[in-house]
Amino acid sequence: MNRRQGWPVTLGEGPVELRPLRLRDATALRDTRARNAEWLRPWEPTYPEMPLRSTGLSPYVAMIQAIRREARQGLSMPWSVYYENRFVGQLSVGGIVWGSARSAQVGYWIDSAHAGRGITPTAVALAVDHAFFKVGLHRIEANIRPENRASRRVATKLGFRDEGVRRRQLHIDGAWRDHICYALTAEEVPDGLLHRWRLGRASGTPPESDSGPGSPLGPQDPNGGGDPRHPASPSPGPN
């Protein structure tokens, strides 16, 4: 598949929808992140020049423009997460490597007011299935701080493999932090990750599996950490 044909596209499952990140999301993005500053801070890549409490709109507009340029080049797929038609967070499949690797990293964050509803695993499953079966990627990683138990639960509930710790991988909350690498390949989910998640929920998977902030979401950074020039590069944080 042509690498530029995988985005923009809208994906959905029930009340959860992934919509391509657009300029009109800038205000909701700024307001939601400012309201969740304390919720997100322990998991966010450090942006000394652009704090989470930034009230200006122009940095978010510039960030969205940069991310969309990268997406048009086939290097990332950035989405806004909507729940019941309301903006509640971000998810990106970023750091896409083509050629013989065909790999990428997924990152996400969600508004604390909407945590615990199964939104994040549903969104991750939608994005991973699209990446594997429509775009043609082969491997997806999520790199998560060991302390971020909520985000780790999302990965394990969806069946991502724990591949060990990457020492001091990203500068998070003022220091270099270790991250656990979780990974999944297309062969491991022949029926799709969303199908696996549906089966898990039907058998009693608890909704609190997405009760935390997220996983570092780095649409600009191949290491999943986000570009320090941009204030809203997603990183697996509270889910």
C-alpha atoms as a PDB file:
ATOM      1  CA  MET A   1       0.000   0.000   0.000  1.00  0.00           C
ATOM      2  CA  ASN A   2       1.145   3.558  -0.720  1.00  0.00           C
ATOM      3  CA  ARG A   3       2.410   4.957   2.568  1.00  0.00           C
ATOM      4  CA  ARG A   4       0.424   8.153   2.056  1.00  0.00           C
ATOM      5  CA  GLN A   5      -2.927   6.415   1.750  1.00  0.00           C
ATOM      6  CA  GLY A   6      -3.268   5.435   5.417  1.00  0.00           C
ATOM      7  CA  TRP A   7      -4.114   8.913   6.653  1.00  0.00           C
ATOM      8  CA  PRO A   8      -6.278  10.981   6.955  1.00  0.00           C
ATOM      9  CA  VAL A   9      -8.971   8.492   7.857  1.00  0.00           C
ATOM     10  CA  THR A  10     -11.621   8.328  10.563  1.00  0.00           C
ATOM     11  CA  LEU A  11     -11.937   5.129  12.620  1.00  0.00           C
ATOM     12  CA  GLY A  12     -14.644   4.239  15.103  1.00  0.00           C
ATOM     13  CA  GLU A  13     -16.059   1.655  17.483  1.00  0.00           C
ATOM     14  CA  GLY A  14     -19.258   2.541  19.317  1.00  0.00           C
ATOM     15  CA  PRO A  15     -18.865   5.943  21.030  1.00  0.00           C
ATOM     16  CA  VAL A  16     -15.073   5.960  20.492  1.00  0.00           C
ATOM     17  CA  GLU A  17     -13.817   7.683  17.370  1.00  0.00           C
ATOM     18  CA  LEU A  18     -10.379   8.513  16.006  1.00  0.00           C
ATOM     19  CA  ARG A  19     -10.520  11.607  13.815  1.00  0.00           C
ATOM     20  CA  PRO A  20      -7.535  13.012  11.925  1.00  0.00           C
ATOM     21  CA  LEU A  21      -5.897  15.760  13.989  1.00  0.00           C
ATOM     22  CA  ARG A  22      -6.918  19.077  12.416  1.00  0.00           C
ATOM     23  CA  LEU A  23      -6.310  22.769  13.029  1.00  0.00           C
ATOM     24  CA  ARG A  24      -9.793  23.166  14.422  1.00  0.00           C
ATOM     25  CA  ASP A  25      -8.773  20.855  17.298  1.00  0.00           C
ATOM     26  CA  ALA A  26      -6.222  23.393  18.567  1.00  0.00           C
ATOM     27  CA  THR A  27      -8.495  25.060  21.123  1.00  0.00           C
ATOM     28  CA  ALA A  28      -9.845  21.804  22.550  1.00  0.00           C
ATOM     29  CA  LEU A  29      -6.310  20.386  22.608  1.00  0.00           C
ATOM     30  CA  ARG A  30      -4.924  23.372  24.507  1.00  0.00           C
ATOM     31  CA  ASP A  31      -7.797  23.534  26.977  1.00  0.00           C
ATOM     32  CA  THR A  32      -7.836  19.797  27.685  1.00  0.00           C
ATOM     33  CA  ARG A  33      -4.085  19.582  28.207  1.00  0.00           C
ATOM     34  CA  ALA A  34      -4.048  22.640  30.461  1.00  0.00           C
ATOM     35  CA  ARG A  35      -6.863  21.169  32.563  1.00  0.00           C
ATOM     36  CA  ASN A  36      -4.938  17.891  32.827  1.00  0.00           C
ATOM     37  CA  ALA A  37      -1.485  19.360  33.470  1.00  0.00           C
ATOM     38  CA  GLU A  38      -0.928  17.587  36.787  1.00  0.00           C
ATOM     39  CA  TRP A  39      -2.439  14.354  35.465  1.00  0.00           C
ATOM     40  CA  LEU A  40      -0.063  14.299  32.488  1.00  0.00           C
ATOM     41  CA  ARG A  41       3.130  15.783  33.937  1.00  0.00           C
ATOM     42  CA  PRO A  42       4.694  12.566  35.369  1.00  0.00           C
ATOM     43  CA  TRP A  43       4.516  10.896  31.937  1.00  0.00           C
ATOM     44  CA  GLU A  44       5.221  13.731  29.538  1.00  0.00           C
ATOM     45  CA  PRO A  45       8.473  14.370  27.679  1.00  0.00           C
ATOM     46  CA  THR A  46      10.094  17.508  29.097  1.00  0.00           C
ATOM     47  CA  TYR A  47       9.403  20.713  27.152  1.00  0.00           C
ATOM     48  CA  PRO A  48      11.183  23.482  29.086  1.00  0.00           C
ATOM     49  CA  GLU A  49      10.157  26.129  26.570  1.00  0.00           C
ATOM     50  CA  MET A  50       6.508  25.025  26.272  1.00  0.00           C
ATOM     51  CA  PRO A  51       4.956  23.989  29.581  1.00  0.00           C
ATOM     52  CA  LEU A  52       1.712  22.056  29.821  1.00  0.00           C
ATOM     53  CA  ARG A  53       0.054  25.168  31.247  1.00  0.00           C
ATOM     54  CA  SER A  54       0.688  27.185  28.081  1.00  0.00           C
ATOM     55  CA  THR A  55      -2.369  29.345  27.399  1.00  0.00           C
ATOM     56  CA  GLY A  56      -1.417  30.579  23.956  1.00  0.00           C
ATOM     57  CA  LEU A  57      -3.073  29.002  20.939  1.00  0.00           C
ATOM     58  CA  SER A  58      -0.334  29.621  18.368  1.00  0.00           C
ATOM     59  CA  PRO A  59       2.056  26.882  19.652  1.00  0.00           C
ATOM     60  CA  TYR A  60      -0.718  24.318  19.233  1.00  0.00           C
ATOM     61  CA  VAL A  61      -1.591  25.533  15.753  1.00  0.00           C
ATOM     62  CA  ALA A  62       2.094  25.320  14.765  1.00  0.00           C
ATOM     63  CA  MET A  63       2.374  21.852  16.301  1.00  0.00           C
ATOM     64  CA  ILE A  64      -0.665  20.555  14.416  1.00  0.00           C
ATOM     65  CA  GLN A  65       0.628  22.008  11.152  1.00  0.00           C
ATOM     66  CA  ALA A  66       3.994  20.292  11.649  1.00  0.00           C
ATOM     67  CA  ILE A  67       2.409  16.963  12.560  1.00  0.00           C
ATOM     68  CA  ARG A  68       0.097  17.073   9.547  1.00  0.00           C
ATOM     69  CA  ARG A  69       3.068  17.746   7.246  1.00  0.00           C
ATOM     70  CA  GLU A  70       4.808  14.688   8.643  1.00  0.00           C
ATOM     71  CA  ALA A  71       1.634  12.617   8.269  1.00  0.00           C
ATOM     72  CA  ARG A  72       1.336  13.578   4.615  1.00  0.00           C
ATOM     73  CA  GLN A  73       4.839  12.181   4.136  1.00  0.00           C
ATOM     74  CA  GLY A  74       3.726   8.822   5.527  1.00  0.00           C
ATOM     75  CA  LEU A  75       5.814   9.137   8.721  1.00  0.00           C
ATOM     76  CA  SER A  76       3.012   9.348  11.270  1.00  0.00           C
ATOM     77  CA  MET A  77      -0.743   9.020  11.693  1.00  0.00           C
ATOM     78  CA  PRO A  78      -2.047  11.524  14.276  1.00  0.00           C
ATOM     79  CA  TRP A  79      -5.588  11.371  15.559  1.00  0.00           C
ATOM     80  CA  SER A  80      -7.808  13.230  17.985  1.00  0.00           C
ATOM     81  CA  VAL A  81      -9.699  10.862  20.271  1.00  0.00           C
ATOM     82  CA  TYR A  82     -13.417  11.603  20.542  1.00  0.00           C
ATOM     83  CA  TYR A  83     -15.890  10.006  22.917  1.00  0.00           C
ATOM     84  CA  GLU A  84     -19.597  10.596  22.361  1.00  0.00           C
ATOM     85  CA  ASN A  85     -18.637  13.340  19.899  1.00  0.00           C
ATOM     86  CA  ARG A  86     -16.415  15.168  22.418  1.00  0.00           C
ATOM     87  CA  PHE A  87     -12.649  15.683  22.224  1.00  0.00           C
ATOM     88  CA  VAL A  88     -11.015  13.646  25.016  1.00  0.00           C
ATOM     89  CA  GLY A  89      -7.384  13.110  23.984  1.00  0.00           C
ATOM     90  CA  GLN A  90      -4.814  12.220  21.356  1.00  0.00           C
ATOM     91  CA  LEU A  91      -3.370   9.096  19.806  1.00  0.00           C
ATOM     92  CA  SER A  92      -0.576   8.846  17.264  1.00  0.00           C
ATOM     93  CA  VAL A  93       1.136   6.071  15.402  1.00  0.00           C
ATOM     94  CA  GLY A  94       4.483   7.781  14.907  1.00  0.00           C
ATOM     95  CA  GLY A  95       8.123   7.198  14.115  1.00  0.00           C
ATOM     96  CA  ILE A  96       7.078   5.069  11.150  1.00  0.00           C
ATOM     97  CA  VAL A  97       9.977   3.235   9.512  1.00  0.00           C
ATOM     98  CA  TRP A  98       9.349   1.759   6.076  1.00  0.00           C
ATOM     99  CA  GLY A  99      11.588  -0.517   4.017  1.00  0.00           C
ATOM    100  CA  SER A 100      12.345  -3.881   5.592  1.00  0.00           C
ATOM    101  CA  ALA A 101      11.289  -2.756   9.100  1.00  0.00           C
ATOM    102  CA  ARG A 102       7.713  -1.468   8.600  1.00  0.00           C
ATOM    103  CA  SER A 103       7.520  -0.539  12.249  1.00  0.00           C
ATOM    104  CA  ALA A 104       6.105   2.302  14.345  1.00  0.00           C
ATOM    105  CA  GLN A 105       5.340   3.407  17.878  1.00  0.00           C
ATOM    106  CA  VAL A 106       1.970   4.204  19.390  1.00  0.00           C
ATOM    107  CA  GLY A 107       1.459   6.914  21.987  1.00  0.00           C
ATOM    108  CA  TYR A 108      -1.638   8.362  23.584  1.00  0.00           C
ATOM    109  CA  TRP A 109      -3.132  10.424  26.389  1.00  0.00           C
ATOM    110  CA  ILE A 110      -6.668  10.918  27.611  1.00  0.00           C
ATOM    111  CA  ASP A 111      -8.596  13.481  29.651  1.00  0.00           C
ATOM    112  CA  SER A 112      -8.759  12.311  33.277  1.00  0.00           C
ATOM    113  CA  ALA A 113     -12.487  13.095  33.322  1.00  0.00           C
ATOM    114  CA  HIS A 114     -13.033  10.294  30.799  1.00  0.00           C
ATOM    115  CA  ALA A 115     -10.655   7.665  32.178  1.00  0.00           C
ATOM    116  CA  GLY A 116     -11.968   4.244  33.167  1.00  0.00           C
ATOM    117  CA  ARG A 117     -14.411   3.830  30.279  1.00  0.00           C
ATOM    118  CA  GLY A 118     -12.391   1.579  27.988  1.00  0.00           C
ATOM    119  CA  ILE A 119     -11.662   4.474  25.626  1.00  0.00           C
ATOM    120  CA  THR A 120      -7.891   4.063  25.406  1.00  0.00           C
ATOM    121  CA  PRO A 121      -7.660   0.321  24.652  1.00  0.00           C
ATOM    122  CA  THR A 122     -10.443   0.710  22.092  1.00  0.00           C
ATOM    123  CA  ALA A 123      -8.596   3.599  20.441  1.00  0.00           C
ATOM    124  CA  VAL A 124      -5.270   1.736  20.462  1.00  0.00           C
ATOM    125  CA  ALA A 125      -6.917  -1.350  18.954  1.00  0.00           C
ATOM    126  CA  LEU A 126      -8.507   0.724  16.176  1.00  0.00           C
ATOM    127  CA  ALA A 127      -5.198   2.399  15.331  1.00  0.00           C
ATOM    128  CA  VAL A 128      -3.132  -0.803  15.434  1.00  0.00           C
ATOM    129  CA  ASP A 129      -5.558  -2.705  13.210  1.00  0.00           C
ATOM    130  CA  HIS A 130      -5.489   0.145  10.707  1.00  0.00           C
ATOM    131  CA  ALA A 131      -1.673   0.235  10.810  1.00  0.00           C
ATOM    132  CA  PHE A 132      -1.360  -3.533  10.312  1.00  0.00           C
ATOM    133  CA  PHE A 133      -4.144  -4.383   7.891  1.00  0.00           C
ATOM    134  CA  LYS A 134      -4.694  -1.197   5.878  1.00  0.00           C
ATOM    135  CA  VAL A 135      -1.314   0.543   5.927  1.00  0.00           C
ATOM    136  CA  GLY A 136       0.842  -2.586   5.895  1.00  0.00           C
ATOM    137  CA  LEU A 137       3.013  -2.071   8.973  1.00  0.00           C
ATOM    138  CA  HIS A 138       4.390  -5.169  10.688  1.00  0.00           C
ATOM    139  CA  ARG A 139       5.419  -4.166  14.222  1.00  0.00           C
ATOM    140  CA  ILE A 140       4.044  -1.632  16.715  1.00  0.00           C
ATOM    141  CA  GLU A 141       5.745  -0.637  19.973  1.00  0.00           C
ATOM    142  CA  ALA A 142       4.528   1.245  23.053  1.00  0.00           C
ATOM    143  CA  ASN A 143       7.256   2.471  25.407  1.00  0.00           C
ATOM    144  CA  ILE A 144       5.908   3.076  28.903  1.00  0.00           C
ATOM    145  CA  ARG A 145       7.461   4.119  32.204  1.00  0.00           C
ATOM    146  CA  PRO A 146       7.495   1.251  34.743  1.00  0.00           C
ATOM    147  CA  GLU A 147       5.641   3.467  37.226  1.00  0.00           C
ATOM    148  CA  ASN A 148       2.772   4.063  34.798  1.00  0.00           C
ATOM    149  CA  ARG A 149       0.781   1.018  35.811  1.00  0.00           C
ATOM    150  CA  ALA A 150      -2.438   2.150  34.157  1.00  0.00           C
ATOM    151  CA  SER A 151      -0.812   2.531  30.766  1.00  0.00           C
ATOM    152  CA  ARG A 152       1.009  -0.783  31.200  1.00  0.00           C
ATOM    153  CA  ARG A 153      -2.365  -2.447  31.858  1.00  0.00           C
ATOM    154  CA  VAL A 154      -3.620  -1.166  28.514  1.00  0.00           C
ATOM    155  CA  ALA A 155      -0.677  -2.811  26.757  1.00  0.00           C
ATOM    156  CA  THR A 156      -0.961  -6.113  28.607  1.00  0.00           C
ATOM    157  CA  LYS A 157      -4.757  -6.335  28.283  1.00  0.00           C
ATOM    158  CA  LEU A 158      -4.354  -5.934  24.530  1.00  0.00           C
ATOM    159  CA  GLY A 159      -1.673  -8.624  24.405  1.00  0.00           C
ATOM    160  CA  PHE A 160       1.448  -6.547  23.780  1.00  0.00           C
ATOM    161  CA  ARG A 161       4.639  -8.419  24.758  1.00  0.00           C
ATOM    162  CA  ASP A 162       6.965  -7.050  27.421  1.00  0.00           C
ATOM    163  CA  GLU A 163      10.369  -6.921  25.694  1.00  0.00           C
ATOM    164  CA  GLY A 164      12.319  -5.448  28.576  1.00  0.00           C
ATOM    165  CA  VAL A 165      13.532  -2.104  29.859  1.00  0.00           C
ATOM    166  CA  ARG A 166      15.161   0.625  27.779  1.00  0.00           C
ATOM    167  CA  ARG A 167      17.408   2.451  30.211  1.00  0.00           C
ATOM    168  CA  ARG A 168      17.064   6.229  30.434  1.00  0.00           C
ATOM    169  CA  GLN A 169      15.254   6.311  27.108  1.00  0.00           C
ATOM    170  CA  LEU A 170      13.405   9.637  27.359  1.00  0.00           C
ATOM    171  CA  HIS A 171      13.650  12.872  29.320  1.00  0.00           C
ATOM    172  CA  ILE A 172      10.391  12.838  31.291  1.00  0.00           C
ATOM    173  CA  ASP A 173       9.295  15.189  34.051  1.00  0.00           C
ATOM    174  CA  GLY A 174      12.791  16.619  34.512  1.00  0.00           C
ATOM    175  CA  ALA A 175      15.000  13.504  34.324  1.00  0.00           C
ATOM    176  CA  TRP A 176      16.071  10.654  32.036  1.00  0.00           C
ATOM    177  CA  ARG A 177      13.614   7.823  32.635  1.00  0.00           C
ATOM    178  CA  ASP A 178      13.580   4.102  31.948  1.00  0.00           C
ATOM    179  CA  HIS A 179      10.785   2.740  29.763  1.00  0.00           C
ATOM    180  CA  ILE A 180       9.441  -0.763  29.257  1.00  0.00           C
ATOM    181  CA  CYS A 181       9.135  -1.692  25.597  1.00  0.00           C
ATOM    182  CA  TYR A 182       5.860  -3.426  24.740  1.00  0.00           C
ATOM    183  CA  ALA A 183       5.508  -4.753  21.198  1.00  0.00           C
ATOM    184  CA  LEU A 184       3.085  -6.526  18.897  1.00  0.00           C
ATOM    185  CA  THR A 185       3.432  -7.884  15.353  1.00  0.00           C
ATOM    186  CA  ALA A 186       0.735  -8.406  12.764  1.00  0.00           C
ATOM    187  CA  GLU A 187       1.078 -12.216  12.908  1.00  0.00           C
ATOM    188  CA  GLU A 188       0.081 -12.176  16.575  1.00  0.00           C
ATOM    189  CA  VAL A 189      -3.376 -10.749  15.870  1.00  0.00           C
ATOM    190  CA  PRO A 190      -4.584 -12.433  12.654  1.00  0.00           C
ATOM    191  CA  ASP A 191      -8.207 -11.562  13.503  1.00  0.00           C
ATOM    192  CA  GLY A 192      -7.336  -8.023  14.562  1.00  0.00           C
ATOM    193  CA  LEU A 193      -6.590  -6.367  17.877  1.00  0.00           C
ATOM    194  CA  LEU A 194     -10.090  -4.898  18.137  1.00  0.00           C
ATOM    195  CA  HIS A 195     -11.502  -8.425  17.898  1.00  0.00           C
ATOM    196  CA  ARG A 196      -9.213  -9.505  20.750  1.00  0.00           C
ATOM    197  CA  TRP A 197     -10.279  -6.500  22.849  1.00  0.00           C
ATOM    198  CA  ARG A 198     -13.978  -7.203  22.229  1.00  0.00           C
ATOM    199  CA  LEU A 199     -13.524 -10.804  23.347  1.00  0.00           C
ATOM    200  CA  GLY A 200     -11.671  -9.636  26.443  1.00  0.00           C
ATOM    201  CA  ARG A 201     -14.413  -7.206  27.397  1.00  0.00           C
ATOM    202  CA  ALA A 202     -17.095  -9.804  26.815  1.00  0.00           C
ATOM    203  CA  SER A 203     -15.272 -12.172  29.162  1.00  0.00           C
ATOM    204  CA  GLY A 204     -15.057  -9.566  31.903  1.00  0.00           C
ATOM    205  CA  THR A 205     -11.996  -7.394  31.221  1.00  0.00           C
ATOM    206  CA  PRO A 206     -12.420  -4.532  33.698  1.00  0.00           C
ATOM    207  CA  PRO A 207     -12.887  -1.008  32.320  1.00  0.00           C
ATOM    208  CA  GLU A 208     -10.298   0.358  34.740  1.00  0.00           C
ATOM    209  CA  SER A 209      -7.679  -0.995  32.357  1.00  0.00           C
ATOM    210  CA  ASP A 210      -7.555   2.548  30.974  1.00  0.00           C
ATOM    211  CA  SER A 211      -7.737   4.468  34.215  1.00  0.00           C
ATOM    212  CA  GLY A 212      -4.386   6.202  33.855  1.00  0.00           C
ATOM    213  CA  PRO A 213      -3.094   9.080  31.705  1.00  0.00           C
ATOM    214  CA  GLY A 214      -1.306   7.463  28.769  1.00  0.00           C
ATOM    215  CA  SER A 215       1.875   6.370  27.048  1.00  0.00           C
ATOM    216  CA  PRO A 216       4.403   8.776  25.523  1.00  0.00           C
ATOM    217  CA  LEU A 217       3.010   9.852  22.290  1.00  0.00           C
ATOM    218  CA  GLY A 218       5.654  11.098  19.993  1.00  0.00           C
ATOM    219  CA  PRO A 219       4.414  11.745  16.489  1.00  0.00           C
ATOM    220  CA  GLN A 220       7.592  13.683  15.683  1.00  0.00           C
ATOM    221  CA  ASP A 221      10.144  11.507  17.463  1.00  0.00           C
ATOM    222  CA  PRO A 222      11.108   7.998  16.301  1.00  0.00           C
ATOM    223  CA  ASN A 223      11.742   7.093  19.919  1.00  0.00           C
ATOM    224  CA  GLY A 224       8.157   7.841  20.836  1.00  0.00           C
ATOM    225  CA  GLY A 225       9.011  10.846  22.962  1.00  0.00           C
ATOM    226  CA  GLY A 226       7.586  13.730  21.035  1.00  0.00           C
ATOM    227  CA  ASP A 227       9.368  16.675  19.528  1.00  0.00           C
ATOM    228  CA  PRO A 228      10.427  19.156  22.235  1.00  0.00           C
ATOM    229  CA  ARG A 229       9.507  21.958  19.850  1.00  0.00           C
ATOM    230  CA  HIS A 230       5.849  21.013  20.123  1.00  0.00           C
ATOM    231  CA  PRO A 231       3.790  21.139  23.326  1.00  0.00           C
ATOM    232  CA  ALA A 232       1.311  18.409  22.564  1.00  0.00           C
ATOM    233  CA  SER A 233       3.275  15.556  21.106  1.00  0.00           C
ATOM    234  CA  PRO A 234       1.502  12.543  22.640  1.00  0.00           C
ATOM    235  CA  SER A 235       3.364  10.162  24.844  1.00  0.00           C
ATOM    236  CA  PRO A 236       1.948   7.077  26.593  1.00  0.00           C
ATOM    237  CA  GLY A 237       0.701   8.670  29.716  1.00  0.00           C
ATOM    238  CA  PRO A 238      -2.470   8.237  31.726  1.00  0.00           C
ATOM    239  CA  ASN A 239      -4.887   6.050  29.873  1.00  0.00           C
END
